[in-house]
Amino acid sequence: MGMASFTEDEKRIREDFKAIAAAFEAVSALRSDEGRSLECLGQWKERSFGMSSDWRIALDYHPTLVRIGSEIFGSR
């Protein structure tokens, strides 16, 4: 799971999500290269990032999971 910086600066949040998505793609590419044994990485299927405060922005970077607990249940 990746998390953006705790800020209201949308530009910074977008930069963080872009970096998280790029890291996922880079590791996924390593897994698919022939001749490399990266079985320890397992099956990378989920792109989990975005939380209640920034999930709408996260959707632009194609996560498969977002955490929206406080959106549903309220703050602690």
PDB file of N, CA and C in Angstrom:
ATOM      1  N   MET A   1       0.841  -1.180   0.000  1.00  0.00           N
ATOM      2  CA  MET A   1       0.000   0.000   0.000  1.00  0.00           C
ATOM      3  C   MET A   1       0.874   1.226   0.000  1.00  0.00           C
ATOM      4  N   GLY A   2       0.487   2.184  -0.812  1.00  0.00           N
ATOM      5  CA  GLY A   2       1.193   3.456  -0.840  1.00  0.00           C
ATOM      6  C   GLY A   2       0.313   4.567  -0.304  1.00  0.00           C
ATOM      7  N   MET A   3       0.939   5.529   0.316  1.00  0.00           N
ATOM      8  CA  MET A   3       0.200   6.669   0.856  1.00  0.00           C
ATOM      9  C   MET A   3       0.860   7.957   0.377  1.00  0.00           C
ATOM     10  N   ALA A   4       0.035   8.930   0.047  1.00  0.00           N
ATOM     11  CA  ALA A   4       0.549  10.246  -0.324  1.00  0.00           C
ATOM     12  C   ALA A   4       0.934  11.009   0.937  1.00  0.00           C
ATOM     13  N   SER A   5       1.690  12.057   0.745  1.00  0.00           N
ATOM     14  CA  SER A   5       2.063  12.922   1.867  1.00  0.00           C
ATOM     15  C   SER A   5       0.814  13.463   2.547  1.00  0.00           C
ATOM     16  N   PHE A   6       0.911  13.695   3.843  1.00  0.00           N
ATOM     17  CA  PHE A   6      -0.205  14.241   4.613  1.00  0.00           C
ATOM     18  C   PHE A   6      -0.222  15.752   4.399  1.00  0.00           C
ATOM     19  N   THR A   7      -0.912  16.165   3.346  1.00  0.00           N
ATOM     20  CA  THR A   7      -0.961  17.563   2.964  1.00  0.00           C
ATOM     21  C   THR A   7      -2.233  17.820   2.182  1.00  0.00           C
ATOM     22  N   GLU A   8      -2.609  19.069   2.075  1.00  0.00           N
ATOM     23  CA  GLU A   8      -3.735  19.448   1.225  1.00  0.00           C
ATOM     24  C   GLU A   8      -3.259  19.924  -0.144  1.00  0.00           C
ATOM     25  N   ASP A   9      -1.954  19.897  -0.373  1.00  0.00           N
ATOM     26  CA  ASP A   9      -1.356  20.336  -1.633  1.00  0.00           C
ATOM     27  C   ASP A   9      -1.601  19.268  -2.706  1.00  0.00           C
ATOM     28  N   GLU A  10      -2.580  19.517  -3.565  1.00  0.00           N
ATOM     29  CA  GLU A  10      -2.963  18.522  -4.571  1.00  0.00           C
ATOM     30  C   GLU A  10      -1.809  18.178  -5.504  1.00  0.00           C
ATOM     31  N   LYS A  11      -0.982  19.144  -5.831  1.00  0.00           N
ATOM     32  CA  LYS A  11       0.161  18.877  -6.719  1.00  0.00           C
ATOM     33  C   LYS A  11       1.086  17.846  -6.072  1.00  0.00           C
ATOM     34  N   ARG A  12       1.362  18.006  -4.793  1.00  0.00           N
ATOM     35  CA  ARG A  12       2.238  17.066  -4.081  1.00  0.00           C
ATOM     36  C   ARG A  12       1.600  15.682  -4.016  1.00  0.00           C
ATOM     37  N   ILE A  13       0.300  15.627  -3.737  1.00  0.00           N
ATOM     38  CA  ILE A  13      -0.404  14.343  -3.688  1.00  0.00           C
ATOM     39  C   ILE A  13      -0.323  13.640  -5.035  1.00  0.00           C
ATOM     40  N   ARG A  14      -0.532  14.388  -6.107  1.00  0.00           N
ATOM     41  CA  ARG A  14      -0.446  13.798  -7.449  1.00  0.00           C
ATOM     42  C   ARG A  14       0.966  13.281  -7.738  1.00  0.00           C
ATOM     43  N   GLU A  15       1.973  14.030  -7.332  1.00  0.00           N
ATOM     44  CA  GLU A  15       3.357  13.577  -7.514  1.00  0.00           C
ATOM     45  C   GLU A  15       3.594  12.265  -6.778  1.00  0.00           C
ATOM     46  N   ASP A  16       3.081  12.176  -5.555  1.00  0.00           N
ATOM     47  CA  ASP A  16       3.242  10.952  -4.777  1.00  0.00           C
ATOM     48  C   ASP A  16       2.544   9.776  -5.444  1.00  0.00           C
ATOM     49  N   PHE A  17       1.312   9.952  -5.871  1.00  0.00           N
ATOM     50  CA  PHE A  17       0.586   8.861  -6.522  1.00  0.00           C
ATOM     51  C   PHE A  17       1.238   8.459  -7.842  1.00  0.00           C
ATOM     52  N   LYS A  18       1.749   9.422  -8.552  1.00  0.00           N
ATOM     53  CA  LYS A  18       2.451   9.117  -9.806  1.00  0.00           C
ATOM     54  C   LYS A  18       3.685   8.262  -9.518  1.00  0.00           C
ATOM     55  N   ALA A  19       4.417   8.606  -8.465  1.00  0.00           N
ATOM     56  CA  ALA A  19       5.609   7.834  -8.093  1.00  0.00           C
ATOM     57  C   ALA A  19       5.236   6.429  -7.626  1.00  0.00           C
ATOM     58  N   ILE A  20       4.166   6.313  -6.868  1.00  0.00           N
ATOM     59  CA  ILE A  20       3.713   4.999  -6.396  1.00  0.00           C
ATOM     60  C   ILE A  20       3.328   4.121  -7.585  1.00  0.00           C
ATOM     61  N   ALA A  21       2.567   4.685  -8.519  1.00  0.00           N
ATOM     62  CA  ALA A  21       2.154   3.925  -9.703  1.00  0.00           C
ATOM     63  C   ALA A  21       3.369   3.513 -10.536  1.00  0.00           C
ATOM     64  N   ALA A  22       4.348   4.405 -10.674  1.00  0.00           N
ATOM     65  CA  ALA A  22       5.562   4.095 -11.440  1.00  0.00           C
ATOM     66  C   ALA A  22       6.363   2.981 -10.768  1.00  0.00           C
ATOM     67  N   ALA A  23       6.445   3.015  -9.444  1.00  0.00           N
ATOM     68  CA  ALA A  23       7.163   1.959  -8.717  1.00  0.00           C
ATOM     69  C   ALA A  23       6.486   0.613  -8.923  1.00  0.00           C
ATOM     70  N   PHE A  24       5.157   0.596  -8.871  1.00  0.00           N
ATOM     71  CA  PHE A  24       4.417  -0.646  -9.110  1.00  0.00           C
ATOM     72  C   PHE A  24       4.735  -1.178 -10.506  1.00  0.00           C
ATOM     73  N   GLU A  25       4.700  -0.295 -11.498  1.00  0.00           N
ATOM     74  CA  GLU A  25       4.974  -0.721 -12.875  1.00  0.00           C
ATOM     75  C   GLU A  25       6.404  -1.223 -13.027  1.00  0.00           C
ATOM     76  N   ALA A  26       7.352  -0.560 -12.383  1.00  0.00           N
ATOM     77  CA  ALA A  26       8.755  -0.975 -12.485  1.00  0.00           C
ATOM     78  C   ALA A  26       8.961  -2.365 -11.895  1.00  0.00           C
ATOM     79  N   VAL A  27       8.389  -2.625 -10.739  1.00  0.00           N
ATOM     80  CA  VAL A  27       8.530  -3.947 -10.121  1.00  0.00           C
ATOM     81  C   VAL A  27       7.794  -4.994 -10.944  1.00  0.00           C
ATOM     82  N   SER A  28       6.628  -4.642 -11.458  1.00  0.00           N
ATOM     83  CA  SER A  28       5.884  -5.582 -12.303  1.00  0.00           C
ATOM     84  C   SER A  28       6.674  -5.932 -13.553  1.00  0.00           C
ATOM     85  N   ALA A  29       7.376  -4.953 -14.120  1.00  0.00           N
ATOM     86  CA  ALA A  29       8.192  -5.202 -15.312  1.00  0.00           C
ATOM     87  C   ALA A  29       9.351  -6.136 -14.981  1.00  0.00           C
ATOM     88  N   LEU A  30       9.956  -5.969 -13.822  1.00  0.00           N
ATOM     89  CA  LEU A  30      11.031  -6.870 -13.409  1.00  0.00           C
ATOM     90  C   LEU A  30      10.539  -8.303 -13.312  1.00  0.00           C
ATOM     91  N   ARG A  31       9.344  -8.458 -12.779  1.00  0.00           N
ATOM     92  CA  ARG A  31       8.781  -9.795 -12.624  1.00  0.00           C
ATOM     93  C   ARG A  31       8.572 -10.469 -13.961  1.00  0.00           C
ATOM     94  N   SER A  32       8.236  -9.688 -14.983  1.00  0.00           N
ATOM     95  CA  SER A  32       7.891 -10.292 -16.261  1.00  0.00           C
ATOM     96  C   SER A  32       9.100 -10.502 -17.171  1.00  0.00           C
ATOM     97  N   ASP A  33      10.259  -9.937 -16.814  1.00  0.00           N
ATOM     98  CA  ASP A  33      11.467 -10.154 -17.624  1.00  0.00           C
ATOM     99  C   ASP A  33      11.861 -11.624 -17.571  1.00  0.00           C
ATOM    100  N   GLU A  34      12.086 -12.198 -18.747  1.00  0.00           N
ATOM    101  CA  GLU A  34      12.509 -13.593 -18.781  1.00  0.00           C
ATOM    102  C   GLU A  34      13.902 -13.711 -18.184  1.00  0.00           C
ATOM    103  N   GLY A  35      14.136 -14.825 -17.536  1.00  0.00           N
ATOM    104  CA  GLY A  35      15.444 -15.070 -16.958  1.00  0.00           C
ATOM    105  C   GLY A  35      15.598 -14.519 -15.553  1.00  0.00           C
ATOM    106  N   ARG A  36      14.619 -13.802 -15.069  1.00  0.00           N
ATOM    107  CA  ARG A  36      14.710 -13.267 -13.706  1.00  0.00           C
ATOM    108  C   ARG A  36      13.790 -14.086 -12.801  1.00  0.00           C
ATOM    109  N   SER A  37      14.287 -14.436 -11.676  1.00  0.00           N
ATOM    110  CA  SER A  37      13.473 -15.181 -10.723  1.00  0.00           C
ATOM    111  C   SER A  37      13.148 -14.273  -9.547  1.00  0.00           C
ATOM    112  N   LEU A  38      11.988 -13.714  -9.577  1.00  0.00           N
ATOM    113  CA  LEU A  38      11.556 -12.838  -8.498  1.00  0.00           C
ATOM    114  C   LEU A  38      10.302 -13.414  -7.844  1.00  0.00           C
ATOM    115  N   GLU A  39      10.323 -14.705  -7.620  1.00  0.00           N
ATOM    116  CA  GLU A  39       9.173 -15.372  -7.024  1.00  0.00           C
ATOM    117  C   GLU A  39       8.842 -14.822  -5.643  1.00  0.00           C
ATOM    118  N   CYS A  40       9.842 -14.243  -4.976  1.00  0.00           N
ATOM    119  CA  CYS A  40       9.597 -13.709  -3.638  1.00  0.00           C
ATOM    120  C   CYS A  40       8.598 -12.550  -3.678  1.00  0.00           C
ATOM    121  N   LEU A  41       8.406 -11.960  -4.840  1.00  0.00           N
ATOM    122  CA  LEU A  41       7.453 -10.862  -4.965  1.00  0.00           C
ATOM    123  C   LEU A  41       6.021 -11.358  -5.043  1.00  0.00           C
ATOM    124  N   GLY A  42       5.850 -12.624  -5.327  1.00  0.00           N
ATOM    125  CA  GLY A  42       4.500 -13.176  -5.397  1.00  0.00           C
ATOM    126  C   GLY A  42       3.705 -12.595  -6.553  1.00  0.00           C
ATOM    127  N   GLN A  43       2.413 -12.684  -6.444  1.00  0.00           N
ATOM    128  CA  GLN A  43       1.513 -12.180  -7.475  1.00  0.00           C
ATOM    129  C   GLN A  43       1.104 -10.749  -7.135  1.00  0.00           C
ATOM    130  N   TRP A  44       1.642  -9.812  -7.830  1.00  0.00           N
ATOM    131  CA  TRP A  44       1.284  -8.399  -7.619  1.00  0.00           C
ATOM    132  C   TRP A  44       0.031  -8.112  -8.418  1.00  0.00           C
ATOM    133  N   LYS A  45      -1.101  -8.062  -7.727  1.00  0.00           N
ATOM    134  CA  LYS A  45      -2.368  -7.827  -8.403  1.00  0.00           C
ATOM    135  C   LYS A  45      -3.000  -6.505  -7.977  1.00  0.00           C
ATOM    136  N   GLU A  46      -2.703  -6.072  -6.785  1.00  0.00           N
ATOM    137  CA  GLU A  46      -3.379  -4.890  -6.248  1.00  0.00           C
ATOM    138  C   GLU A  46      -2.483  -3.659  -6.289  1.00  0.00           C
ATOM    139  N   ARG A  47      -3.096  -2.562  -6.653  1.00  0.00           N
ATOM    140  CA  ARG A  47      -2.445  -1.248  -6.606  1.00  0.00           C
ATOM    141  C   ARG A  47      -3.212  -0.463  -5.549  1.00  0.00           C
ATOM    142  N   SER A  48      -2.767  -0.560  -4.313  1.00  0.00           N
ATOM    143  CA  SER A  48      -3.505   0.001  -3.198  1.00  0.00           C
ATOM    144  C   SER A  48      -2.927   1.348  -2.786  1.00  0.00           C
ATOM    145  N   PHE A  49      -3.647   2.388  -3.093  1.00  0.00           N
ATOM    146  CA  PHE A  49      -3.296   3.708  -2.595  1.00  0.00           C
ATOM    147  C   PHE A  49      -4.505   4.615  -2.686  1.00  0.00           C
ATOM    148  N   GLY A  50      -4.489   5.650  -1.859  1.00  0.00           N
ATOM    149  CA  GLY A  50      -5.627   6.548  -1.738  1.00  0.00           C
ATOM    150  C   GLY A  50      -6.364   6.269  -0.446  1.00  0.00           C
ATOM    151  N   MET A  51      -6.738   7.345   0.225  1.00  0.00           N
ATOM    152  CA  MET A  51      -7.468   7.235   1.482  1.00  0.00           C
ATOM    153  C   MET A  51      -8.647   8.198   1.424  1.00  0.00           C
ATOM    154  N   SER A  52      -9.403   8.278   2.494  1.00  0.00           N
ATOM    155  CA  SER A  52     -10.617   9.093   2.499  1.00  0.00           C
ATOM    156  C   SER A  52     -10.383  10.523   2.039  1.00  0.00           C
ATOM    157  N   SER A  53      -9.249  11.099   2.407  1.00  0.00           N
ATOM    158  CA  SER A  53      -8.994  12.499   2.079  1.00  0.00           C
ATOM    159  C   SER A  53      -8.523  12.724   0.641  1.00  0.00           C
ATOM    160  N   ASP A  54      -8.051  11.674  -0.036  1.00  0.00           N
ATOM    161  CA  ASP A  54      -7.480  11.891  -1.370  1.00  0.00           C
ATOM    162  C   ASP A  54      -7.860  10.823  -2.397  1.00  0.00           C
ATOM    163  N   TRP A  55      -8.875  10.018  -2.111  1.00  0.00           N
ATOM    164  CA  TRP A  55      -9.209   8.908  -3.002  1.00  0.00           C
ATOM    165  C   TRP A  55      -9.621   9.374  -4.393  1.00  0.00           C
ATOM    166  N   ARG A  56     -10.257  10.533  -4.478  1.00  0.00           N
ATOM    167  CA  ARG A  56     -10.677  11.023  -5.805  1.00  0.00           C
ATOM    168  C   ARG A  56      -9.465  11.307  -6.687  1.00  0.00           C
ATOM    169  N   ILE A  57      -8.424  11.840  -6.100  1.00  0.00           N
ATOM    170  CA  ILE A  57      -7.181  12.087  -6.841  1.00  0.00           C
ATOM    171  C   ILE A  57      -6.533  10.752  -7.194  1.00  0.00           C
ATOM    172  N   ALA A  58      -6.513   9.829  -6.243  1.00  0.00           N
ATOM    173  CA  ALA A  58      -5.887   8.523  -6.463  1.00  0.00           C
ATOM    174  C   ALA A  58      -6.496   7.797  -7.663  1.00  0.00           C
ATOM    175  N   LEU A  59      -7.779   7.964  -7.880  1.00  0.00           N
ATOM    176  CA  LEU A  59      -8.438   7.265  -8.992  1.00  0.00           C
ATOM    177  C   LEU A  59      -7.823   7.588 -10.347  1.00  0.00           C
ATOM    178  N   ASP A  60      -7.218   8.758 -10.475  1.00  0.00           N
ATOM    179  CA  ASP A  60      -6.550   9.123 -11.729  1.00  0.00           C
ATOM    180  C   ASP A  60      -5.331   8.249 -12.013  1.00  0.00           C
ATOM    181  N   TYR A  61      -4.850   7.527 -10.997  1.00  0.00           N
ATOM    182  CA  TYR A  61      -3.645   6.707 -11.137  1.00  0.00           C
ATOM    183  C   TYR A  61      -3.958   5.217 -11.054  1.00  0.00           C
ATOM    184  N   HIS A  62      -5.217   4.874 -11.164  1.00  0.00           N
ATOM    185  CA  HIS A  62      -5.711   3.504 -11.349  1.00  0.00           C
ATOM    186  C   HIS A  62      -5.407   2.533 -10.205  1.00  0.00           C
ATOM    187  N   PRO A  63      -5.736   2.901  -8.972  1.00  0.00           N
ATOM    188  CA  PRO A  63      -5.584   1.917  -7.903  1.00  0.00           C
ATOM    189  C   PRO A  63      -6.672   0.843  -8.031  1.00  0.00           C
ATOM    190  N   THR A  64      -6.399  -0.312  -7.479  1.00  0.00           N
ATOM    191  CA  THR A  64      -7.437  -1.343  -7.424  1.00  0.00           C
ATOM    192  C   THR A  64      -8.105  -1.350  -6.055  1.00  0.00           C
ATOM    193  N   LEU A  65      -7.452  -0.736  -5.064  1.00  0.00           N
ATOM    194  CA  LEU A  65      -7.999  -0.624  -3.717  1.00  0.00           C
ATOM    195  C   LEU A  65      -7.743   0.782  -3.185  1.00  0.00           C
ATOM    196  N   VAL A  66      -8.720   1.324  -2.487  1.00  0.00           N
ATOM    197  CA  VAL A  66      -8.535   2.575  -1.758  1.00  0.00           C
ATOM    198  C   VAL A  66      -9.073   2.367  -0.348  1.00  0.00           C
ATOM    199  N   ARG A  67      -8.510   3.100   0.595  1.00  0.00           N
ATOM    200  CA  ARG A  67      -8.941   2.979   1.989  1.00  0.00           C
ATOM    201  C   ARG A  67      -9.817   4.176   2.323  1.00  0.00           C
ATOM    202  N   ILE A  68     -11.069   3.924   2.609  1.00  0.00           N
ATOM    203  CA  ILE A  68     -12.001   5.021   2.871  1.00  0.00           C
ATOM    204  C   ILE A  68     -12.754   4.826   4.172  1.00  0.00           C
ATOM    205  N   GLY A  69     -12.090   4.224   5.152  1.00  0.00           N
ATOM    206  CA  GLY A  69     -12.736   3.930   6.422  1.00  0.00           C
ATOM    207  C   GLY A  69     -13.296   5.143   7.131  1.00  0.00           C
ATOM    208  N   SER A  70     -12.524   6.220   7.229  1.00  0.00           N
ATOM    209  CA  SER A  70     -13.022   7.386   7.957  1.00  0.00           C
ATOM    210  C   SER A  70     -14.130   8.098   7.179  1.00  0.00           C
ATOM    211  N   GLU A  71     -14.167   7.907   5.878  1.00  0.00           N
ATOM    212  CA  GLU A  71     -15.256   8.459   5.058  1.00  0.00           C
ATOM    213  C   GLU A  71     -16.572   7.770   5.417  1.00  0.00           C
ATOM    214  N   ILE A  72     -16.483   6.497   5.724  1.00  0.00           N
ATOM    215  CA  ILE A  72     -17.663   5.701   6.070  1.00  0.00           C
ATOM    216  C   ILE A  72     -17.998   5.808   7.559  1.00  0.00           C
ATOM    217  N   PHE A  73     -16.979   5.599   8.398  1.00  0.00           N
ATOM    218  CA  PHE A  73     -17.200   5.488   9.836  1.00  0.00           C
ATOM    219  C   PHE A  73     -16.928   6.775  10.621  1.00  0.00           C
ATOM    220  N   GLY A  74     -16.371   7.766   9.967  1.00  0.00           N
ATOM    221  CA  GLY A  74     -16.034   9.006  10.665  1.00  0.00           C
ATOM    222  C   GLY A  74     -14.628   8.933  11.248  1.00  0.00           C
ATOM    223  N   SER A  75     -14.153  10.075  11.706  1.00  0.00           N
ATOM    224  CA  SER A  75     -12.800  10.118  12.278  1.00  0.00           C
ATOM    225  C   SER A  75     -12.789   9.465  13.649  1.00  0.00           C
ATOM    226  N   ARG A  76     -11.617   9.091  14.072  1.00  0.00           N
ATOM    227  CA  ARG A  76     -11.488   8.416  15.374  1.00  0.00           C
ATOM    228  C   ARG A  76     -11.633   9.391  16.505  1.00  0.00           C
TER     229      ARG A  76
END
